[in-house]
Amino acid sequence: MILADTNVWIKHFRESDTELISHLNIGFVACHPFIVGELACGNLGNRAEILELLQALPSSPVVETTEILEFIENNSLMGCGLGYVDIHLLASAIIGNVVFWTFDRRLHEAATELGVAYIRS
């Protein structure tokens, strides 16, 4: 299962991503409430339909704040250019046993170090 980051969805909405479509068609894509929320903050065509479809995907877990703070400390993720949502998504990928697909360089590097990075084919 793949957790696709917000930037993957934005790129897909701008220019259709055949790799993402392939994974969606076989039910291999998960979503996270924070990703739905980030996308909801933007301007989406077919807004209601897209948000509904994203929420219908299998959900990656929301992690408690205390667990995230511990995750940051245990993995030395402070001061590395990642935000709270980024780190939350990494923790969610680990707990949810999914790989994490992002186009963000720093986030991809962290996902690689943590062993959850999705590598495009």
C-alpha atoms as a PDB file:
ATOM      1  CA  MET A   1       0.000   0.000   0.000  1.00  0.00           C
ATOM      2  CA  ILE A   2       1.226   3.525  -0.832  1.00  0.00           C
ATOM      3  CA  LEU A   3       0.536   6.741   1.080  1.00  0.00           C
ATOM      4  CA  ALA A   4       0.726   9.503  -1.547  1.00  0.00           C
ATOM      5  CA  ASP A   5       1.764  12.918  -0.184  1.00  0.00           C
ATOM      6  CA  THR A   6      -0.172  16.106  -0.903  1.00  0.00           C
ATOM      7  CA  ASN A   7       2.338  17.159  -3.585  1.00  0.00           C
ATOM      8  CA  VAL A   8       1.790  13.878  -5.457  1.00  0.00           C
ATOM      9  CA  TRP A   9      -1.952  14.582  -5.586  1.00  0.00           C
ATOM     10  CA  ILE A  10      -1.442  18.204  -6.662  1.00  0.00           C
ATOM     11  CA  LYS A  11       0.830  17.108  -9.509  1.00  0.00           C
ATOM     12  CA  HIS A  12      -1.715  14.447 -10.486  1.00  0.00           C
ATOM     13  CA  PHE A  13      -4.565  16.973 -10.544  1.00  0.00           C
ATOM     14  CA  ARG A  14      -2.510  19.283 -12.793  1.00  0.00           C
ATOM     15  CA  GLU A  15      -1.275  16.573 -15.166  1.00  0.00           C
ATOM     16  CA  SER A  16      -2.562  13.047 -14.842  1.00  0.00           C
ATOM     17  CA  ASP A  17       0.000  10.672 -13.312  1.00  0.00           C
ATOM     18  CA  THR A  18      -0.314   7.236 -14.914  1.00  0.00           C
ATOM     19  CA  GLU A  19       1.638   5.532 -12.134  1.00  0.00           C
ATOM     20  CA  LEU A  20      -0.724   6.901  -9.470  1.00  0.00           C
ATOM     21  CA  ILE A  21      -3.723   5.918 -11.603  1.00  0.00           C
ATOM     22  CA  SER A  22      -2.384   2.365 -11.920  1.00  0.00           C
ATOM     23  CA  HIS A  23      -2.012   2.069  -8.153  1.00  0.00           C
ATOM     24  CA  LEU A  24      -5.467   3.563  -7.581  1.00  0.00           C
ATOM     25  CA  ASN A  25      -7.035   1.101 -10.022  1.00  0.00           C
ATOM     26  CA  ILE A  26      -5.718  -1.875  -8.066  1.00  0.00           C
ATOM     27  CA  GLY A  27      -6.658  -0.396  -4.680  1.00  0.00           C
ATOM     28  CA  PHE A  28      -3.061   0.155  -3.641  1.00  0.00           C
ATOM     29  CA  VAL A  29      -3.295   3.815  -2.481  1.00  0.00           C
ATOM     30  CA  ALA A  30      -4.032   5.001   1.044  1.00  0.00           C
ATOM     31  CA  CYS A  31      -4.779   8.532   2.176  1.00  0.00           C
ATOM     32  CA  HIS A  32      -4.476  10.424   5.453  1.00  0.00           C
ATOM     33  CA  PRO A  33      -6.878  12.976   6.976  1.00  0.00           C
ATOM     34  CA  PHE A  34      -4.097  15.609   7.030  1.00  0.00           C
ATOM     35  CA  ILE A  35      -3.565  15.180   3.279  1.00  0.00           C
ATOM     36  CA  VAL A  36      -7.297  15.555   2.667  1.00  0.00           C
ATOM     37  CA  GLY A  37      -7.213  18.669   4.866  1.00  0.00           C
ATOM     38  CA  GLU A  38      -4.238  20.175   3.050  1.00  0.00           C
ATOM     39  CA  LEU A  39      -5.908  19.585  -0.318  1.00  0.00           C
ATOM     40  CA  ALA A  40      -9.180  21.037   0.991  1.00  0.00           C
ATOM     41  CA  CYS A  41      -7.306  24.282   1.746  1.00  0.00           C
ATOM     42  CA  GLY A  42      -6.516  24.695  -1.951  1.00  0.00           C
ATOM     43  CA  ASN A  43      -8.571  25.352  -5.052  1.00  0.00           C
ATOM     44  CA  LEU A  44      -9.746  22.056  -6.485  1.00  0.00           C
ATOM     45  CA  GLY A  45     -11.784  21.480  -9.594  1.00  0.00           C
ATOM     46  CA  ASN A  46     -14.638  19.050  -8.838  1.00  0.00           C
ATOM     47  CA  ARG A  47     -13.916  19.869  -5.195  1.00  0.00           C
ATOM     48  CA  ALA A  48     -16.704  17.927  -3.481  1.00  0.00           C
ATOM     49  CA  GLU A  49     -16.174  14.822  -5.620  1.00  0.00           C
ATOM     50  CA  ILE A  50     -12.389  14.788  -5.160  1.00  0.00           C
ATOM     51  CA  LEU A  51     -12.584  15.242  -1.393  1.00  0.00           C
ATOM     52  CA  GLU A  52     -15.208  12.502  -1.175  1.00  0.00           C
ATOM     53  CA  LEU A  53     -13.095  10.106  -3.268  1.00  0.00           C
ATOM     54  CA  LEU A  54      -9.970  10.808  -1.205  1.00  0.00           C
ATOM     55  CA  GLN A  55     -11.862  10.132   2.013  1.00  0.00           C
ATOM     56  CA  ALA A  56     -13.116   6.830   0.571  1.00  0.00           C
ATOM     57  CA  LEU A  57      -9.542   5.523   0.171  1.00  0.00           C
ATOM     58  CA  PRO A  58      -8.089   3.308   2.909  1.00  0.00           C
ATOM     59  CA  SER A  59      -6.895   5.578   5.701  1.00  0.00           C
ATOM     60  CA  SER A  60      -3.407   5.750   7.127  1.00  0.00           C
ATOM     61  CA  PRO A  61      -3.549   6.188  10.932  1.00  0.00           C
ATOM     62  CA  VAL A  62      -3.581   9.511  12.760  1.00  0.00           C
ATOM     63  CA  VAL A  63      -0.828   9.422  15.370  1.00  0.00           C
ATOM     64  CA  GLU A  64      -1.153  10.936  18.855  1.00  0.00           C
ATOM     65  CA  THR A  65       0.892  14.062  19.615  1.00  0.00           C
ATOM     66  CA  THR A  66       2.866  12.344  22.379  1.00  0.00           C
ATOM     67  CA  GLU A  67       3.859   9.595  19.936  1.00  0.00           C
ATOM     68  CA  ILE A  68       4.917  12.179  17.328  1.00  0.00           C
ATOM     69  CA  LEU A  69       7.076  14.047  19.838  1.00  0.00           C
ATOM     70  CA  GLU A  70       8.735  10.767  20.817  1.00  0.00           C
ATOM     71  CA  PHE A  71       9.145   9.866  17.129  1.00  0.00           C
ATOM     72  CA  ILE A  72      10.885  13.214  16.472  1.00  0.00           C
ATOM     73  CA  GLU A  73      13.310  12.631  19.357  1.00  0.00           C
ATOM     74  CA  ASN A  74      13.985   8.961  18.630  1.00  0.00           C
ATOM     75  CA  ASN A  75      14.725   9.642  14.956  1.00  0.00           C
ATOM     76  CA  SER A  76      16.519  13.007  15.382  1.00  0.00           C
ATOM     77  CA  LEU A  77      14.055  14.747  13.054  1.00  0.00           C
ATOM     78  CA  MET A  78      14.335  18.159  14.685  1.00  0.00           C
ATOM     79  CA  GLY A  79      15.921  20.966  12.675  1.00  0.00           C
ATOM     80  CA  CYS A  80      16.023  18.995   9.430  1.00  0.00           C
ATOM     81  CA  GLY A  81      13.599  21.163   7.456  1.00  0.00           C
ATOM     82  CA  LEU A  82      10.502  19.032   7.979  1.00  0.00           C
ATOM     83  CA  GLY A  83       7.246  20.313   9.423  1.00  0.00           C
ATOM     84  CA  TYR A  84       4.880  18.683  11.895  1.00  0.00           C
ATOM     85  CA  VAL A  85       2.548  17.364   9.188  1.00  0.00           C
ATOM     86  CA  ASP A  86       5.522  15.938   7.247  1.00  0.00           C
ATOM     87  CA  ILE A  87       6.790  14.099  10.310  1.00  0.00           C
ATOM     88  CA  HIS A  88       3.289  12.966  11.205  1.00  0.00           C
ATOM     89  CA  LEU A  89       2.894  11.418   7.752  1.00  0.00           C
ATOM     90  CA  LEU A  90       6.210   9.584   8.126  1.00  0.00           C
ATOM     91  CA  ALA A  91       5.123   8.157  11.480  1.00  0.00           C
ATOM     92  CA  SER A  92       1.751   7.225  10.027  1.00  0.00           C
ATOM     93  CA  ALA A  93       3.435   5.389   7.151  1.00  0.00           C
ATOM     94  CA  ILE A  94       5.540   3.380   9.587  1.00  0.00           C
ATOM     95  CA  ILE A  95       2.640   2.543  11.908  1.00  0.00           C
ATOM     96  CA  GLY A  96       0.311   1.836   8.977  1.00  0.00           C
ATOM     97  CA  ASN A  97       2.920  -0.370   7.285  1.00  0.00           C
ATOM     98  CA  VAL A  98       2.765   1.532   3.983  1.00  0.00           C
ATOM     99  CA  VAL A  99       5.384   3.181   1.789  1.00  0.00           C
ATOM    100  CA  PHE A 100       5.370   6.967   1.490  1.00  0.00           C
ATOM    101  CA  TRP A 101       5.456   8.686  -1.912  1.00  0.00           C
ATOM    102  CA  THR A 102       6.498  12.328  -2.002  1.00  0.00           C
ATOM    103  CA  PHE A 103       8.191  14.697  -4.432  1.00  0.00           C
ATOM    104  CA  ASP A 104       9.639  16.770  -1.572  1.00  0.00           C
ATOM    105  CA  ARG A 105      13.406  16.142  -1.489  1.00  0.00           C
ATOM    106  CA  ARG A 106      13.933  16.450   2.274  1.00  0.00           C
ATOM    107  CA  LEU A 107      10.843  14.432   3.067  1.00  0.00           C
ATOM    108  CA  HIS A 108      11.874  11.719   0.593  1.00  0.00           C
ATOM    109  CA  GLU A 109      15.349  11.581   2.155  1.00  0.00           C
ATOM    110  CA  ALA A 110      13.827  11.169   5.625  1.00  0.00           C
ATOM    111  CA  ALA A 111      11.449   8.482   4.336  1.00  0.00           C
ATOM    112  CA  THR A 112      14.419   6.683   2.780  1.00  0.00           C
ATOM    113  CA  GLU A 113      16.380   6.809   6.048  1.00  0.00           C
ATOM    114  CA  LEU A 114      13.333   5.434   7.885  1.00  0.00           C
ATOM    115  CA  GLY A 115      12.833   2.669   5.319  1.00  0.00           C
ATOM    116  CA  VAL A 116       9.401   3.779   4.081  1.00  0.00           C
ATOM    117  CA  ALA A 117      10.221   5.665   0.860  1.00  0.00           C
ATOM    118  CA  TYR A 118       8.300   4.801  -2.288  1.00  0.00           C
ATOM    119  CA  ILE A 119      10.597   4.532  -5.298  1.00  0.00           C
ATOM    120  CA  ARG A 120       8.910   5.345  -8.601  1.00  0.00           C
ATOM    121  CA  SER A 121       9.133   2.685 -11.242  1.00  0.00           C
END
